Amino acid sequence: LADDTEALAGELRRAALRLGSKHFVVEIAQPFVAQVGEMWEQGKLEVRHEHLASEVLSTLIRLLISTSEDGLGRPVVLLATLPGEQHGLGLEMVALYLAASRATPRLLGVNTPRDQVVKAARALGADVVGLTITGSSDVGQATADLKWMLSELPRRVEIWAGGDACSRLGLHDSGLKTVPSFAELDAALER
């Protein structure tokens, strides 16, 4: 890994071609991101290594998404994180998984004000707003933002909350579904 981004990019590309997008996300990308994060926390990787690895993976994911864009259908899923959440690689992995499932992902990105998420959902005709709530998120503020968004979004639009902190949301509403895993995402897509 360290500084050999070309070798890393090649290994990831080969894995994506061999496994297909959905299996690549679940079996390679998600565990890889977790391992890089753990190694960084343990001091085995420097910030530059973590950033380079993330960018190599992000570049490949965006390329794979772009090759899936013809013939995508419903639901249209707007993907974002709320203010204070800067991590977007999870959103990109979900976008690729959705595209491989023939849904239409729309990446809005990280650190997005709640009113802008609502406006984008309306403008893009989203069926679902997908939000990542991680350990670095302010869960109390995220709960307040979700409650407000549920009151502002058309009732037909659901919010799917994923990420490792989504189970700590203190909100119960029929328009909010927690989707903490790709298996749960499959179940939500089936509905």
N, C-alpha and C. Protein backbone atom coordinates (compact mmCIF):
# COMPACT_ATOMS: atom_id res chain seq x y z
N LEU A 1 0.85 -1.19 0.00
CA LEU A 1 0.00 0.00 0.00
C LEU A 1 0.88 1.24 0.00
N ALA A 2 1.43 1.60 1.13
CA ALA A 2 2.24 2.80 1.35
C ALA A 2 2.13 3.82 0.23
N ASP A 3 3.14 3.90 -0.62
CA ASP A 3 3.14 4.95 -1.64
C ASP A 3 2.95 4.43 -3.06
N ASP A 4 2.74 3.16 -3.24
CA ASP A 4 2.62 2.59 -4.58
C ASP A 4 1.17 2.64 -5.05
N THR A 5 0.73 3.83 -5.44
CA THR A 5 -0.67 4.01 -5.84
C THR A 5 -0.99 3.29 -7.14
N GLU A 6 -0.01 3.16 -8.02
CA GLU A 6 -0.26 2.45 -9.28
C GLU A 6 -0.56 0.98 -9.03
N ALA A 7 0.21 0.36 -8.15
CA ALA A 7 -0.04 -1.06 -7.83
C ALA A 7 -1.39 -1.20 -7.14
N LEU A 8 -1.69 -0.30 -6.22
CA LEU A 8 -2.98 -0.35 -5.53
C LEU A 8 -4.13 -0.20 -6.51
N ALA A 9 -4.03 0.78 -7.40
CA ALA A 9 -5.08 1.00 -8.39
C ALA A 9 -5.27 -0.23 -9.27
N GLY A 10 -4.18 -0.85 -9.67
CA GLY A 10 -4.25 -2.06 -10.49
C GLY A 10 -4.93 -3.21 -9.76
N GLU A 11 -4.55 -3.43 -8.50
CA GLU A 11 -5.17 -4.49 -7.71
C GLU A 11 -6.67 -4.25 -7.53
N LEU A 12 -7.05 -3.02 -7.24
CA LEU A 12 -8.47 -2.71 -7.06
C LEU A 12 -9.25 -2.87 -8.36
N ARG A 13 -8.67 -2.42 -9.47
CA ARG A 13 -9.34 -2.58 -10.78
C ARG A 13 -9.56 -4.05 -11.11
N ARG A 14 -8.53 -4.85 -10.91
CA ARG A 14 -8.65 -6.28 -11.21
C ARG A 14 -9.72 -6.92 -10.33
N ALA A 15 -9.77 -6.55 -9.06
CA ALA A 15 -10.78 -7.10 -8.16
C ALA A 15 -12.19 -6.69 -8.61
N ALA A 16 -12.35 -5.44 -9.02
CA ALA A 16 -13.66 -4.97 -9.47
C ALA A 16 -14.09 -5.72 -10.73
N LEU A 17 -13.18 -5.94 -11.65
CA LEU A 17 -13.51 -6.67 -12.88
C LEU A 17 -13.86 -8.13 -12.59
N ARG A 18 -13.12 -8.72 -11.66
CA ARG A 18 -13.33 -10.13 -11.33
C ARG A 18 -14.64 -10.34 -10.58
N LEU A 19 -14.97 -9.44 -9.67
CA LEU A 19 -16.11 -9.65 -8.77
C LEU A 19 -17.41 -9.00 -9.23
N GLY A 20 -17.32 -7.95 -10.02
CA GLY A 20 -18.50 -7.15 -10.32
C GLY A 20 -18.67 -6.09 -9.24
N SER A 21 -19.43 -5.06 -9.55
CA SER A 21 -19.49 -3.89 -8.67
C SER A 21 -20.04 -4.17 -7.28
N LYS A 22 -21.15 -4.89 -7.17
CA LYS A 22 -21.74 -5.12 -5.85
C LYS A 22 -20.80 -5.92 -4.95
N HIS A 23 -20.27 -7.01 -5.47
CA HIS A 23 -19.37 -7.83 -4.66
C HIS A 23 -18.07 -7.08 -4.37
N PHE A 24 -17.62 -6.28 -5.31
CA PHE A 24 -16.42 -5.47 -5.08
C PHE A 24 -16.62 -4.54 -3.89
N VAL A 25 -17.77 -3.87 -3.84
CA VAL A 25 -18.05 -2.95 -2.73
C VAL A 25 -18.05 -3.70 -1.40
N VAL A 26 -18.78 -4.82 -1.34
CA VAL A 26 -18.95 -5.54 -0.08
C VAL A 26 -17.69 -6.29 0.33
N GLU A 27 -17.03 -6.95 -0.62
CA GLU A 27 -15.92 -7.84 -0.28
C GLU A 27 -14.56 -7.16 -0.28
N ILE A 28 -14.41 -6.09 -1.04
CA ILE A 28 -13.10 -5.45 -1.16
C ILE A 28 -13.11 -4.01 -0.64
N ALA A 29 -13.95 -3.15 -1.22
CA ALA A 29 -13.88 -1.72 -0.91
C ALA A 29 -14.18 -1.43 0.56
N GLN A 30 -15.31 -1.93 1.06
CA GLN A 30 -15.67 -1.64 2.45
C GLN A 30 -14.63 -2.18 3.44
N PRO A 31 -14.20 -3.43 3.33
CA PRO A 31 -13.15 -3.92 4.25
C PRO A 31 -11.83 -3.16 4.08
N PHE A 32 -11.49 -2.78 2.86
CA PHE A 32 -10.26 -2.03 2.61
C PHE A 32 -10.30 -0.69 3.34
N VAL A 33 -11.42 0.03 3.22
CA VAL A 33 -11.55 1.33 3.89
C VAL A 33 -11.44 1.15 5.41
N ALA A 34 -12.08 0.12 5.94
CA ALA A 34 -12.01 -0.14 7.38
C ALA A 34 -10.58 -0.45 7.81
N GLN A 35 -9.88 -1.26 7.01
CA GLN A 35 -8.51 -1.62 7.35
C GLN A 35 -7.58 -0.40 7.29
N VAL A 36 -7.74 0.43 6.29
CA VAL A 36 -6.92 1.65 6.18
C VAL A 36 -7.18 2.55 7.38
N GLY A 37 -8.45 2.69 7.78
CA GLY A 37 -8.78 3.51 8.94
C GLY A 37 -8.15 2.97 10.22
N GLU A 38 -8.21 1.65 10.40
CA GLU A 38 -7.61 1.03 11.58
C GLU A 38 -6.09 1.22 11.60
N MET A 39 -5.47 1.02 10.43
CA MET A 39 -4.02 1.18 10.36
C MET A 39 -3.61 2.62 10.63
N TRP A 40 -4.40 3.57 10.16
CA TRP A 40 -4.12 4.98 10.43
C TRP A 40 -4.24 5.26 11.93
N GLU A 41 -5.31 4.75 12.57
CA GLU A 41 -5.51 4.95 14.01
C GLU A 41 -4.38 4.34 14.83
N GLN A 42 -3.83 3.24 14.36
CA GLN A 42 -2.74 2.56 15.06
C GLN A 42 -1.37 3.17 14.76
N GLY A 43 -1.35 4.17 13.89
CA GLY A 43 -0.09 4.82 13.55
C GLY A 43 0.75 4.06 12.54
N LYS A 44 0.16 3.05 11.90
CA LYS A 44 0.89 2.26 10.90
C LYS A 44 0.88 2.93 9.53
N LEU A 45 -0.02 3.86 9.33
CA LEU A 45 -0.08 4.65 8.09
C LEU A 45 -0.11 6.13 8.47
N GLU A 46 0.46 6.94 7.62
CA GLU A 46 0.39 8.37 7.82
C GLU A 46 -0.85 8.91 7.12
N VAL A 47 -1.20 10.15 7.41
CA VAL A 47 -2.36 10.79 6.80
C VAL A 47 -2.26 10.72 5.27
N ARG A 48 -1.07 10.97 4.73
CA ARG A 48 -0.92 10.95 3.27
C ARG A 48 -1.27 9.59 2.69
N HIS A 49 -0.91 8.53 3.40
CA HIS A 49 -1.24 7.18 2.90
C HIS A 49 -2.75 6.98 2.88
N GLU A 50 -3.41 7.40 3.95
CA GLU A 50 -4.86 7.25 4.04
C GLU A 50 -5.53 8.07 2.93
N HIS A 51 -5.05 9.28 2.72
CA HIS A 51 -5.64 10.13 1.67
C HIS A 51 -5.39 9.56 0.28
N LEU A 52 -4.18 9.09 0.02
CA LEU A 52 -3.89 8.51 -1.29
C LEU A 52 -4.73 7.26 -1.55
N ALA A 53 -4.83 6.39 -0.56
CA ALA A 53 -5.62 5.17 -0.72
C ALA A 53 -7.09 5.52 -0.99
N SER A 54 -7.61 6.49 -0.25
CA SER A 54 -9.00 6.92 -0.44
C SER A 54 -9.21 7.48 -1.84
N GLU A 55 -8.28 8.28 -2.32
CA GLU A 55 -8.43 8.87 -3.65
C GLU A 55 -8.34 7.83 -4.75
N VAL A 56 -7.45 6.86 -4.59
CA VAL A 56 -7.35 5.78 -5.59
C VAL A 56 -8.68 5.02 -5.66
N LEU A 57 -9.23 4.68 -4.50
CA LEU A 57 -10.50 3.96 -4.46
C LEU A 57 -11.63 4.83 -5.00
N SER A 58 -11.67 6.08 -4.61
CA SER A 58 -12.71 7.00 -5.07
C SER A 58 -12.69 7.15 -6.59
N THR A 59 -11.52 7.26 -7.16
CA THR A 59 -11.40 7.39 -8.62
C THR A 59 -11.97 6.17 -9.32
N LEU A 60 -11.64 4.99 -8.82
CA LEU A 60 -12.16 3.76 -9.42
C LEU A 60 -13.68 3.67 -9.26
N ILE A 61 -14.18 3.98 -8.08
CA ILE A 61 -15.63 3.90 -7.85
C ILE A 61 -16.37 4.84 -8.78
N ARG A 62 -15.89 6.06 -8.92
CA ARG A 62 -16.56 7.02 -9.81
C ARG A 62 -16.50 6.55 -11.27
N LEU A 63 -15.41 5.94 -11.67
CA LEU A 63 -15.31 5.38 -13.02
C LEU A 63 -16.34 4.26 -13.20
N LEU A 64 -16.45 3.38 -12.22
CA LEU A 64 -17.41 2.29 -12.31
C LEU A 64 -18.85 2.80 -12.33
N ILE A 65 -19.14 3.82 -11.55
CA ILE A 65 -20.48 4.41 -11.56
C ILE A 65 -20.79 4.96 -12.95
N SER A 66 -19.82 5.65 -13.53
CA SER A 66 -20.06 6.28 -14.84
C SER A 66 -20.32 5.25 -15.93
N THR A 67 -19.80 4.05 -15.78
CA THR A 67 -20.05 3.01 -16.79
C THR A 67 -21.40 2.35 -16.61
N SER A 68 -22.08 2.65 -15.49
CA SER A 68 -23.38 2.04 -15.20
C SER A 68 -24.55 2.99 -15.45
N GLU A 69 -24.28 4.21 -15.88
CA GLU A 69 -25.33 5.22 -15.88
C GLU A 69 -26.42 5.04 -16.91
N ASP A 70 -26.19 4.29 -17.96
CA ASP A 70 -27.24 4.06 -18.95
C ASP A 70 -28.21 3.01 -18.43
N GLY A 71 -29.50 3.30 -18.52
CA GLY A 71 -30.52 2.33 -18.17
C GLY A 71 -30.84 2.19 -16.69
N LEU A 72 -30.40 3.16 -15.89
CA LEU A 72 -30.74 3.08 -14.47
C LEU A 72 -32.19 3.46 -14.27
N GLY A 73 -32.79 2.94 -13.21
CA GLY A 73 -34.21 3.18 -12.98
C GLY A 73 -34.49 3.71 -11.58
N ARG A 74 -35.58 3.25 -11.03
CA ARG A 74 -36.03 3.72 -9.73
C ARG A 74 -35.60 2.74 -8.66
N PRO A 75 -35.41 3.19 -7.46
CA PRO A 75 -35.62 4.55 -7.02
C PRO A 75 -34.45 5.47 -7.37
N VAL A 76 -34.75 6.77 -7.40
CA VAL A 76 -33.71 7.79 -7.50
C VAL A 76 -33.32 8.11 -6.06
N VAL A 77 -32.03 7.91 -5.75
CA VAL A 77 -31.55 8.07 -4.38
C VAL A 77 -30.52 9.20 -4.33
N LEU A 78 -30.86 10.26 -3.62
CA LEU A 78 -29.96 11.39 -3.41
C LEU A 78 -29.08 11.07 -2.21
N LEU A 79 -27.76 11.13 -2.38
CA LEU A 79 -26.83 10.74 -1.33
C LEU A 79 -26.06 11.95 -0.82
N ALA A 80 -26.03 12.10 0.50
CA ALA A 80 -25.34 13.25 1.10
C ALA A 80 -24.95 12.92 2.53
N THR A 81 -24.14 13.80 3.10
CA THR A 81 -23.92 13.81 4.55
C THR A 81 -24.33 15.19 5.04
N LEU A 82 -24.69 15.26 6.29
CA LEU A 82 -25.12 16.51 6.91
C LEU A 82 -23.91 17.33 7.35
N PRO A 83 -24.13 18.58 7.74
CA PRO A 83 -23.01 19.44 8.17
C PRO A 83 -22.17 18.78 9.27
N GLY A 84 -20.88 18.94 9.13
CA GLY A 84 -19.93 18.38 10.08
C GLY A 84 -19.39 17.02 9.69
N GLU A 85 -20.03 16.35 8.75
CA GLU A 85 -19.58 15.03 8.30
C GLU A 85 -18.81 15.19 6.99
N GLN A 86 -17.51 14.96 7.06
CA GLN A 86 -16.63 15.19 5.92
C GLN A 86 -16.29 13.93 5.12
N HIS A 87 -16.72 12.78 5.59
CA HIS A 87 -16.32 11.52 4.94
C HIS A 87 -17.31 11.15 3.85
N GLY A 88 -16.83 11.09 2.60
CA GLY A 88 -17.70 10.83 1.47
C GLY A 88 -17.48 9.51 0.78
N LEU A 89 -16.45 8.77 1.15
CA LEU A 89 -16.17 7.51 0.46
C LEU A 89 -17.30 6.49 0.66
N GLY A 90 -17.92 6.50 1.82
CA GLY A 90 -19.07 5.61 2.05
C GLY A 90 -20.21 5.93 1.11
N LEU A 91 -20.45 7.23 0.87
CA LEU A 91 -21.49 7.64 -0.09
C LEU A 91 -21.18 7.10 -1.47
N GLU A 92 -19.92 7.19 -1.87
CA GLU A 92 -19.54 6.71 -3.20
C GLU A 92 -19.72 5.20 -3.32
N MET A 93 -19.38 4.47 -2.25
CA MET A 93 -19.58 3.02 -2.29
C MET A 93 -21.06 2.68 -2.40
N VAL A 94 -21.90 3.40 -1.68
CA VAL A 94 -23.34 3.18 -1.76
C VAL A 94 -23.84 3.54 -3.16
N ALA A 95 -23.33 4.62 -3.73
CA ALA A 95 -23.74 5.02 -5.09
C ALA A 95 -23.41 3.91 -6.09
N LEU A 96 -22.23 3.33 -5.99
CA LEU A 96 -21.86 2.24 -6.90
C LEU A 96 -22.76 1.03 -6.68
N TYR A 97 -23.02 0.70 -5.43
CA TYR A 97 -23.90 -0.43 -5.11
C TYR A 97 -25.30 -0.20 -5.68
N LEU A 98 -25.81 1.02 -5.52
CA LEU A 98 -27.12 1.36 -6.07
C LEU A 98 -27.13 1.24 -7.59
N ALA A 99 -26.11 1.78 -8.24
CA ALA A 99 -26.04 1.71 -9.70
C ALA A 99 -25.99 0.27 -10.17
N ALA A 100 -25.24 -0.56 -9.46
CA ALA A 100 -25.17 -1.99 -9.81
C ALA A 100 -26.50 -2.69 -9.58
N SER A 101 -27.34 -2.10 -8.72
CA SER A 101 -28.68 -2.64 -8.44
C SER A 101 -29.72 -2.03 -9.37
N ARG A 102 -29.28 -1.24 -10.32
CA ARG A 102 -30.12 -0.58 -11.34
C ARG A 102 -30.96 0.57 -10.77
N ALA A 103 -30.65 1.03 -9.55
CA ALA A 103 -31.26 2.25 -9.01
C ALA A 103 -30.45 3.43 -9.55
N THR A 104 -30.96 4.64 -9.36
CA THR A 104 -30.26 5.83 -9.86
C THR A 104 -29.72 6.63 -8.69
N PRO A 105 -28.39 6.55 -8.46
CA PRO A 105 -27.80 7.37 -7.40
C PRO A 105 -27.51 8.78 -7.89
N ARG A 106 -27.69 9.74 -7.02
CA ARG A 106 -27.32 11.13 -7.28
C ARG A 106 -26.48 11.60 -6.10
N LEU A 107 -25.19 11.77 -6.32
CA LEU A 107 -24.28 12.18 -5.25
C LEU A 107 -24.34 13.69 -5.06
N LEU A 108 -24.81 14.12 -3.90
CA LEU A 108 -24.80 15.53 -3.54
C LEU A 108 -23.51 15.86 -2.80
N GLY A 109 -23.03 14.93 -2.00
CA GLY A 109 -21.74 15.11 -1.35
C GLY A 109 -21.81 15.31 0.15
N VAL A 110 -20.67 15.72 0.69
CA VAL A 110 -20.51 15.82 2.13
C VAL A 110 -20.82 17.21 2.64
N ASN A 111 -21.06 17.26 3.96
CA ASN A 111 -21.18 18.54 4.66
C ASN A 111 -22.27 19.43 4.05
N THR A 112 -23.43 18.85 3.79
CA THR A 112 -24.49 19.56 3.07
C THR A 112 -25.57 20.05 4.04
N PRO A 113 -25.88 21.34 4.02
CA PRO A 113 -26.95 21.84 4.89
C PRO A 113 -28.28 21.16 4.58
N ARG A 114 -29.06 20.94 5.63
CA ARG A 114 -30.30 20.18 5.50
C ARG A 114 -31.27 20.81 4.50
N ASP A 115 -31.33 22.14 4.44
CA ASP A 115 -32.26 22.76 3.49
C ASP A 115 -31.82 22.52 2.05
N GLN A 116 -30.51 22.40 1.83
CA GLN A 116 -30.01 22.13 0.49
C GLN A 116 -30.29 20.68 0.07
N VAL A 117 -30.26 19.78 1.04
CA VAL A 117 -30.62 18.39 0.75
C VAL A 117 -32.09 18.33 0.32
N VAL A 118 -32.96 19.01 1.04
CA VAL A 118 -34.39 19.01 0.71
C VAL A 118 -34.62 19.63 -0.66
N LYS A 119 -33.98 20.77 -0.93
CA LYS A 119 -34.15 21.42 -2.24
C LYS A 119 -33.64 20.52 -3.37
N ALA A 120 -32.51 19.87 -3.16
CA ALA A 120 -31.97 18.97 -4.18
C ALA A 120 -32.89 17.78 -4.40
N ALA A 121 -33.45 17.24 -3.33
CA ALA A 121 -34.36 16.09 -3.45
C ALA A 121 -35.57 16.47 -4.30
N ARG A 122 -36.10 17.64 -4.07
CA ARG A 122 -37.24 18.10 -4.87
C ARG A 122 -36.84 18.33 -6.32
N ALA A 123 -35.72 19.02 -6.53
CA ALA A 123 -35.29 19.38 -7.88
C ALA A 123 -34.95 18.15 -8.72
N LEU A 124 -34.40 17.13 -8.09
CA LEU A 124 -33.97 15.93 -8.81
C LEU A 124 -35.02 14.83 -8.84
N GLY A 125 -36.18 15.08 -8.24
CA GLY A 125 -37.23 14.07 -8.22
C GLY A 125 -36.84 12.82 -7.46
N ALA A 126 -36.11 13.00 -6.36
CA ALA A 126 -35.63 11.86 -5.58
C ALA A 126 -36.80 11.11 -4.93
N ASP A 127 -36.68 9.80 -4.90
CA ASP A 127 -37.60 8.95 -4.17
C ASP A 127 -37.10 8.73 -2.75
N VAL A 128 -35.78 8.83 -2.59
CA VAL A 128 -35.12 8.54 -1.32
C VAL A 128 -34.00 9.54 -1.12
N VAL A 129 -33.81 9.97 0.12
CA VAL A 129 -32.62 10.70 0.52
C VAL A 129 -31.80 9.74 1.37
N GLY A 130 -30.59 9.44 0.93
CA GLY A 130 -29.69 8.55 1.66
C GLY A 130 -28.65 9.38 2.38
N LEU A 131 -28.56 9.23 3.69
CA LEU A 131 -27.61 9.99 4.51
C LEU A 131 -26.71 9.05 5.29
N THR A 132 -25.45 9.41 5.39
CA THR A 132 -24.50 8.65 6.19
C THR A 132 -24.34 9.34 7.53
N ILE A 133 -24.52 8.57 8.60
CA ILE A 133 -24.34 9.06 9.97
C ILE A 133 -23.24 8.21 10.59
N THR A 134 -22.06 8.80 10.79
CA THR A 134 -20.92 8.05 11.31
C THR A 134 -20.59 8.48 12.73
N GLY A 135 -19.59 7.82 13.28
CA GLY A 135 -19.14 8.16 14.63
C GLY A 135 -18.64 9.58 14.75
N SER A 136 -18.24 10.20 13.65
CA SER A 136 -17.80 11.59 13.71
C SER A 136 -18.96 12.58 13.55
N SER A 137 -20.16 12.05 13.31
CA SER A 137 -21.35 12.90 13.20
C SER A 137 -21.82 13.32 14.59
N ASP A 138 -22.43 14.48 14.68
CA ASP A 138 -23.13 14.91 15.89
C ASP A 138 -24.52 14.28 15.81
N VAL A 139 -24.71 13.16 16.50
CA VAL A 139 -25.95 12.38 16.37
C VAL A 139 -27.16 13.18 16.83
N GLY A 140 -27.03 13.98 17.88
CA GLY A 140 -28.14 14.81 18.33
C GLY A 140 -28.56 15.81 17.27
N GLN A 141 -27.58 16.47 16.67
CA GLN A 141 -27.89 17.43 15.61
C GLN A 141 -28.44 16.70 14.38
N ALA A 142 -27.89 15.55 14.07
CA ALA A 142 -28.38 14.78 12.93
C ALA A 142 -29.84 14.38 13.15
N THR A 143 -30.19 14.00 14.36
CA THR A 143 -31.58 13.65 14.68
C THR A 143 -32.49 14.85 14.46
N ALA A 144 -32.06 16.01 14.94
CA ALA A 144 -32.85 17.23 14.75
C ALA A 144 -32.98 17.57 13.26
N ASP A 145 -31.89 17.43 12.52
CA ASP A 145 -31.93 17.70 11.08
C ASP A 145 -32.87 16.74 10.36
N LEU A 146 -32.81 15.46 10.72
CA LEU A 146 -33.68 14.47 10.10
C LEU A 146 -35.15 14.77 10.39
N LYS A 147 -35.44 15.12 11.62
CA LYS A 147 -36.82 15.45 11.98
C LYS A 147 -37.32 16.62 11.14
N TRP A 148 -36.51 17.65 11.00
CA TRP A 148 -36.87 18.81 10.18
C TRP A 148 -37.06 18.40 8.72
N MET A 149 -36.13 17.61 8.19
CA MET A 149 -36.20 17.19 6.79
C MET A 149 -37.45 16.36 6.52
N LEU A 150 -37.80 15.49 7.45
CA LEU A 150 -39.01 14.68 7.28
C LEU A 150 -40.26 15.57 7.22
N SER A 151 -40.25 16.68 7.91
CA SER A 151 -41.39 17.60 7.87
C SER A 151 -41.42 18.42 6.59
N GLU A 152 -40.28 18.55 5.92
CA GLU A 152 -40.18 19.39 4.72
C GLU A 152 -40.24 18.61 3.41
N LEU A 153 -39.82 17.37 3.43
CA LEU A 153 -39.82 16.56 2.21
C LEU A 153 -41.25 16.11 1.89
N PRO A 154 -41.54 15.91 0.61
CA PRO A 154 -42.83 15.31 0.26
C PRO A 154 -42.95 13.95 0.97
N ARG A 155 -44.14 13.58 1.42
CA ARG A 155 -44.32 12.34 2.19
C ARG A 155 -43.90 11.09 1.41
N ARG A 156 -43.91 11.15 0.09
CA ARG A 156 -43.51 9.98 -0.71
C ARG A 156 -42.01 9.72 -0.63
N VAL A 157 -41.24 10.72 -0.20
CA VAL A 157 -39.78 10.60 -0.15
C VAL A 157 -39.36 10.06 1.21
N GLU A 158 -38.68 8.92 1.18
CA GLU A 158 -38.16 8.33 2.41
C GLU A 158 -36.74 8.83 2.66
N ILE A 159 -36.32 8.76 3.90
CA ILE A 159 -34.92 8.97 4.26
C ILE A 159 -34.36 7.63 4.71
N TRP A 160 -33.25 7.24 4.08
CA TRP A 160 -32.54 6.03 4.48
C TRP A 160 -31.26 6.49 5.15
N ALA A 161 -31.09 6.15 6.41
CA ALA A 161 -29.89 6.52 7.16
C ALA A 161 -28.99 5.31 7.31
N GLY A 162 -27.76 5.46 6.88
CA GLY A 162 -26.77 4.40 7.01
C GLY A 162 -25.56 4.91 7.77
N GLY A 163 -24.56 4.08 7.90
CA GLY A 163 -23.36 4.46 8.64
C GLY A 163 -23.37 3.85 10.02
N ASP A 164 -22.20 3.83 10.65
CA ASP A 164 -22.05 3.12 11.91
C ASP A 164 -22.77 3.76 13.09
N ALA A 165 -23.26 4.99 12.97
CA ALA A 165 -23.97 5.63 14.07
C ALA A 165 -25.47 5.76 13.81
N CYS A 166 -25.98 5.21 12.70
CA CYS A 166 -27.40 5.37 12.39
C CYS A 166 -28.30 4.70 13.42
N SER A 167 -27.81 3.70 14.10
CA SER A 167 -28.63 3.02 15.11
C SER A 167 -28.81 3.88 16.36
N ARG A 168 -28.03 4.94 16.51
CA ARG A 168 -28.13 5.80 17.69
C ARG A 168 -29.08 6.98 17.48
N LEU A 169 -29.70 7.06 16.31
CA LEU A 169 -30.65 8.14 16.06
C LEU A 169 -31.87 7.96 16.95
N GLY A 170 -32.28 9.00 17.62
CA GLY A 170 -33.42 8.90 18.53
C GLY A 170 -34.70 9.37 17.87
N LEU A 171 -35.01 8.81 16.73
CA LEU A 171 -36.16 9.30 15.97
C LEU A 171 -36.91 8.11 15.40
N HIS A 172 -38.23 8.11 15.61
CA HIS A 172 -39.07 7.05 15.06
C HIS A 172 -40.12 7.71 14.17
N ASP A 173 -40.02 7.45 12.89
CA ASP A 173 -40.93 8.03 11.91
C ASP A 173 -41.03 7.04 10.76
N SER A 174 -42.22 6.87 10.23
CA SER A 174 -42.41 5.91 9.14
C SER A 174 -41.62 6.30 7.89
N GLY A 175 -41.23 7.56 7.77
CA GLY A 175 -40.46 8.01 6.62
C GLY A 175 -38.97 7.80 6.76
N LEU A 176 -38.52 7.33 7.92
CA LEU A 176 -37.10 7.11 8.18
C LEU A 176 -36.83 5.62 8.32
N LYS A 177 -35.89 5.13 7.53
CA LYS A 177 -35.46 3.74 7.60
C LYS A 177 -33.96 3.73 7.90
N THR A 178 -33.56 2.93 8.88
CA THR A 178 -32.12 2.75 9.10
C THR A 178 -31.65 1.60 8.22
N VAL A 179 -30.55 1.84 7.55
CA VAL A 179 -30.01 0.89 6.57
C VAL A 179 -28.52 0.72 6.89
N PRO A 180 -28.22 -0.04 7.96
CA PRO A 180 -26.83 -0.12 8.43
C PRO A 180 -25.92 -1.07 7.65
N SER A 181 -26.48 -1.81 6.69
CA SER A 181 -25.65 -2.78 5.95
C SER A 181 -26.13 -2.87 4.50
N PHE A 182 -25.31 -3.47 3.67
CA PHE A 182 -25.71 -3.65 2.28
C PHE A 182 -26.86 -4.65 2.15
N ALA A 183 -26.94 -5.62 3.06
CA ALA A 183 -28.09 -6.54 3.05
C ALA A 183 -29.38 -5.76 3.33
N GLU A 184 -29.32 -4.83 4.27
CA GLU A 184 -30.49 -3.99 4.58
C GLU A 184 -30.80 -3.06 3.41
N LEU A 185 -29.77 -2.62 2.70
CA LEU A 185 -29.99 -1.79 1.52
C LEU A 185 -30.72 -2.59 0.44
N ASP A 186 -30.33 -3.85 0.27
CA ASP A 186 -31.04 -4.72 -0.67
C ASP A 186 -32.51 -4.83 -0.30
N ALA A 187 -32.78 -5.01 1.00
CA ALA A 187 -34.17 -5.14 1.46
C ALA A 187 -34.94 -3.84 1.21
N ALA A 188 -34.30 -2.70 1.45
CA ALA A 188 -34.96 -1.41 1.21
C ALA A 188 -35.24 -1.23 -0.28
N LEU A 189 -34.33 -1.65 -1.12
CA LEU A 189 -34.54 -1.54 -2.57
C LEU A 189 -35.68 -2.45 -3.03
N GLU A 190 -35.82 -3.61 -2.40
CA GLU A 190 -36.91 -4.52 -2.76
C GLU A 190 -38.27 -3.90 -2.50
N ARG A 191 -38.37 -3.11 -1.40
CA ARG A 191 -39.63 -2.43 -1.06
C ARG A 191 -39.92 -1.40 -2.10
